[in-house]
Amino acid sequence: MLDHFGRRGSMEGMEPQRVERDRDVTGRARNARPRDGLGRPLPHGLTGVPTTPDDLVLPPAEALREAERLLVAGRPFHAHEVLEGAWKACHDDTRELWKGLAQLAVGVTHLRRGNDVGAVRLLSRAGERISAYERNAPHGIPVAALTAWTTDLIARIGTGPIPEELLAPRLRSSE
């Protein structure tokens, strides 16, 4: 038998512990644990970095600006949360683009955490989704440049250290 940690062994004589989960007003589970700069949960009681509110939805230009700022600051997990908010709030034909942008940030998160396999998978998915918008790039998103960036970054993974500046792509054309 596997216990709740995935370990083999008998659970005979063990009393199950009920853990109260943090939930929002609709009953949806939230994770109140503090997180580090790369979004990894920290033990309760430690101080983490500020996270993005679960219900944050910004207009496209602001979402892109904030996500880019977070990528430059080395906080791709938090950039992903901003982009995920835009993706989930999007109800038009750009929904897959926002999903691709969120995957791009998750790919960088995996890379910064040392998970090269996960980084390649997410960056590949991101590049595929983003490239579909090359002919009609909305919101000033440099689609061709981001597609090239994902391809270049994937090629660099596993070949040695990647310069910091390559881990923060431009999400919007120069203003």
Protein backbone atom coordinates (compact mmCIF):
# COMPACT_ATOMS: atom_id res chain seq x y z
CA MET A 1 0.00 0.00 0.00
CA LEU A 2 1.23 3.54 -0.72
CA ASP A 3 0.86 6.23 1.89
CA HIS A 4 -0.06 9.80 0.98
CA PHE A 5 3.62 10.55 0.33
CA GLY A 6 3.89 7.72 -2.20
CA ARG A 7 5.92 5.49 0.16
CA ARG A 8 5.34 1.77 0.42
CA GLY A 9 4.31 0.30 3.72
CA SER A 10 1.45 -0.45 6.00
CA MET A 11 -0.78 2.31 7.25
CA GLU A 12 -2.26 0.03 9.89
CA GLY A 13 -2.71 1.76 13.20
CA MET A 14 -2.21 5.22 11.69
CA GLU A 15 -4.94 7.74 12.22
CA PRO A 16 -5.59 9.92 9.18
CA GLN A 17 -4.97 13.59 9.90
CA ARG A 18 -7.43 16.11 8.58
CA VAL A 19 -5.75 19.20 7.23
CA GLU A 20 -7.81 22.32 6.87
CA ARG A 21 -7.33 23.80 3.41
CA ASP A 22 -7.35 27.48 2.69
CA ARG A 23 -10.34 28.23 0.47
CA ASP A 24 -11.79 31.34 -1.12
CA VAL A 25 -15.41 32.45 -0.67
CA THR A 26 -16.57 30.11 -3.46
CA GLY A 27 -14.87 27.11 -1.82
CA ARG A 28 -12.03 26.96 -4.36
CA ALA A 29 -8.76 25.78 -2.82
CA ARG A 30 -5.98 28.32 -2.40
CA ASN A 31 -2.45 27.75 -1.26
CA ALA A 32 -1.67 30.07 1.62
CA ARG A 33 1.88 28.76 2.03
CA PRO A 34 4.59 31.32 1.43
CA ARG A 35 6.61 30.89 -1.76
CA ASP A 36 10.17 31.61 -2.78
CA GLY A 37 11.13 33.78 -5.75
CA LEU A 38 10.66 30.86 -8.14
CA GLY A 39 7.23 29.96 -6.78
CA ARG A 40 8.30 26.94 -4.73
CA PRO A 41 6.23 26.49 -1.57
CA LEU A 42 8.04 27.22 1.68
CA PRO A 43 7.15 25.77 5.08
CA HIS A 44 4.38 27.56 6.94
CA GLY A 45 5.76 30.29 9.19
CA LEU A 46 8.55 31.39 6.85
CA THR A 47 8.38 34.65 4.99
CA GLY A 48 8.23 34.29 1.23
CA VAL A 49 8.11 36.79 -1.58
CA PRO A 50 4.85 38.55 -2.39
CA THR A 51 2.71 36.58 -4.84
CA THR A 52 0.23 37.62 -7.45
CA PRO A 53 -3.35 37.70 -6.15
CA ASP A 54 -5.43 34.78 -7.46
CA ASP A 55 -8.05 37.09 -8.88
CA LEU A 56 -5.71 39.57 -10.59
CA VAL A 57 -6.84 40.35 -14.12
CA LEU A 58 -5.10 43.20 -15.91
CA PRO A 59 -5.85 44.73 -19.30
CA PRO A 60 -3.56 43.24 -21.99
CA ALA A 61 -1.02 46.09 -22.10
CA GLU A 62 -0.66 46.12 -18.31
CA ALA A 63 -0.45 42.32 -18.09
CA LEU A 64 2.35 42.30 -20.66
CA ARG A 65 4.20 45.14 -18.92
CA GLU A 66 3.92 43.50 -15.47
CA ALA A 67 4.87 40.03 -16.72
CA GLU A 68 7.90 41.47 -18.52
CA ARG A 69 8.93 43.36 -15.38
CA LEU A 70 8.71 40.13 -13.36
CA LEU A 71 10.75 38.19 -15.94
CA VAL A 72 13.48 40.86 -15.82
CA ALA A 73 13.41 40.66 -12.00
CA GLY A 74 14.07 36.90 -12.19
CA ARG A 75 10.55 35.96 -11.07
CA PRO A 76 9.15 33.95 -14.00
CA PHE A 77 6.71 32.00 -11.81
CA HIS A 78 5.04 35.25 -10.83
CA ALA A 79 5.08 36.44 -14.46
CA HIS A 80 3.27 33.20 -15.30
CA GLU A 81 0.56 34.02 -12.75
CA VAL A 82 -0.04 37.42 -14.36
CA LEU A 83 -0.19 35.89 -17.84
CA GLU A 84 -2.40 33.05 -16.62
CA GLY A 85 -4.85 35.61 -15.26
CA ALA A 86 -5.01 37.26 -18.70
CA TRP A 87 -5.41 33.86 -20.39
CA LYS A 88 -8.24 32.73 -18.13
CA ALA A 89 -10.04 36.07 -18.48
CA CYS A 90 -9.67 36.12 -22.26
CA HIS A 91 -12.79 35.25 -24.20
CA ASP A 92 -11.65 35.97 -27.73
CA ASP A 93 -9.41 34.39 -30.35
CA THR A 94 -6.21 35.39 -28.49
CA ARG A 95 -6.77 32.90 -25.66
CA GLU A 96 -4.21 30.41 -27.01
CA LEU A 97 -1.64 33.20 -27.34
CA TRP A 98 -2.03 34.11 -23.67
CA LYS A 99 -1.75 30.44 -22.77
CA GLY A 100 1.47 30.24 -24.80
CA LEU A 101 2.87 33.31 -23.04
CA ALA A 102 2.06 31.76 -19.66
CA GLN A 103 3.79 28.53 -20.77
CA LEU A 104 6.83 30.57 -21.83
CA ALA A 105 7.12 31.93 -18.28
CA VAL A 106 6.66 28.44 -16.80
CA GLY A 107 9.41 27.17 -19.13
CA VAL A 108 11.77 29.80 -17.75
CA THR A 109 10.66 28.84 -14.23
CA HIS A 110 11.60 25.22 -14.89
CA LEU A 111 14.93 26.29 -16.34
CA ARG A 112 15.74 28.47 -13.31
CA ARG A 113 14.79 25.58 -11.01
CA GLY A 114 17.21 23.27 -12.86
CA ASN A 115 14.54 21.19 -14.61
CA ASP A 116 15.87 21.16 -18.18
CA VAL A 117 13.40 18.51 -19.40
CA GLY A 118 10.40 20.48 -18.14
CA ALA A 119 11.84 23.68 -19.56
CA VAL A 120 12.20 22.20 -23.05
CA ARG A 121 8.66 20.79 -22.96
CA LEU A 122 7.02 24.02 -21.85
CA LEU A 123 9.11 26.27 -24.10
CA SER A 124 8.30 24.02 -27.08
CA ARG A 125 4.57 24.22 -26.35
CA ALA A 126 4.86 27.97 -25.83
CA GLY A 127 6.65 28.47 -29.13
CA GLU A 128 4.02 26.44 -31.01
CA ARG A 129 1.12 28.37 -29.50
CA ILE A 130 2.73 31.78 -29.91
CA SER A 131 3.88 31.19 -33.50
CA ALA A 132 0.28 30.65 -34.62
CA TYR A 133 -0.25 34.41 -34.16
CA GLU A 134 2.66 35.55 -36.33
CA ARG A 135 0.48 36.84 -39.18
CA ASN A 136 -1.76 38.88 -36.90
CA ALA A 137 0.10 39.72 -33.68
CA PRO A 138 -2.22 41.46 -31.21
CA HIS A 139 -1.36 43.92 -28.43
CA GLY A 140 2.07 44.76 -29.86
CA ILE A 141 3.38 41.31 -28.94
CA PRO A 142 6.54 40.58 -30.99
CA VAL A 143 5.39 37.10 -31.97
CA ALA A 144 8.18 36.34 -34.47
CA ALA A 145 10.85 37.46 -32.00
CA LEU A 146 9.32 35.38 -29.17
CA THR A 147 9.10 32.32 -31.40
CA ALA A 148 12.78 32.74 -32.35
CA TRP A 149 13.66 33.31 -28.68
CA THR A 150 12.03 30.02 -27.61
CA THR A 151 13.87 28.12 -30.37
CA ASP A 152 17.19 29.71 -29.42
CA LEU A 153 16.73 29.12 -25.70
CA ILE A 154 15.78 25.47 -26.23
CA ALA A 155 18.95 24.99 -28.31
CA ARG A 156 21.08 26.45 -25.47
CA ILE A 157 19.64 24.24 -22.73
CA GLY A 158 22.20 21.75 -21.54
CA THR A 159 25.11 23.40 -23.34
CA GLY A 160 26.35 25.44 -20.37
CA PRO A 161 25.31 28.49 -18.39
CA ILE A 162 22.68 30.65 -20.03
CA PRO A 163 23.24 34.40 -19.67
CA GLU A 164 20.71 36.07 -17.37
CA GLU A 165 19.57 38.53 -20.03
CA LEU A 166 18.41 35.63 -22.22
CA LEU A 167 15.94 34.49 -19.57
CA ALA A 168 13.79 37.60 -19.85
CA PRO A 169 12.32 37.99 -23.34
CA ARG A 170 10.55 41.14 -24.47
CA LEU A 171 6.81 40.50 -24.43
CA ARG A 172 5.90 43.74 -26.16
CA SER A 173 7.38 45.76 -28.97
CA SER A 174 9.44 48.78 -28.00
CA GLU A 175 7.27 51.66 -26.89
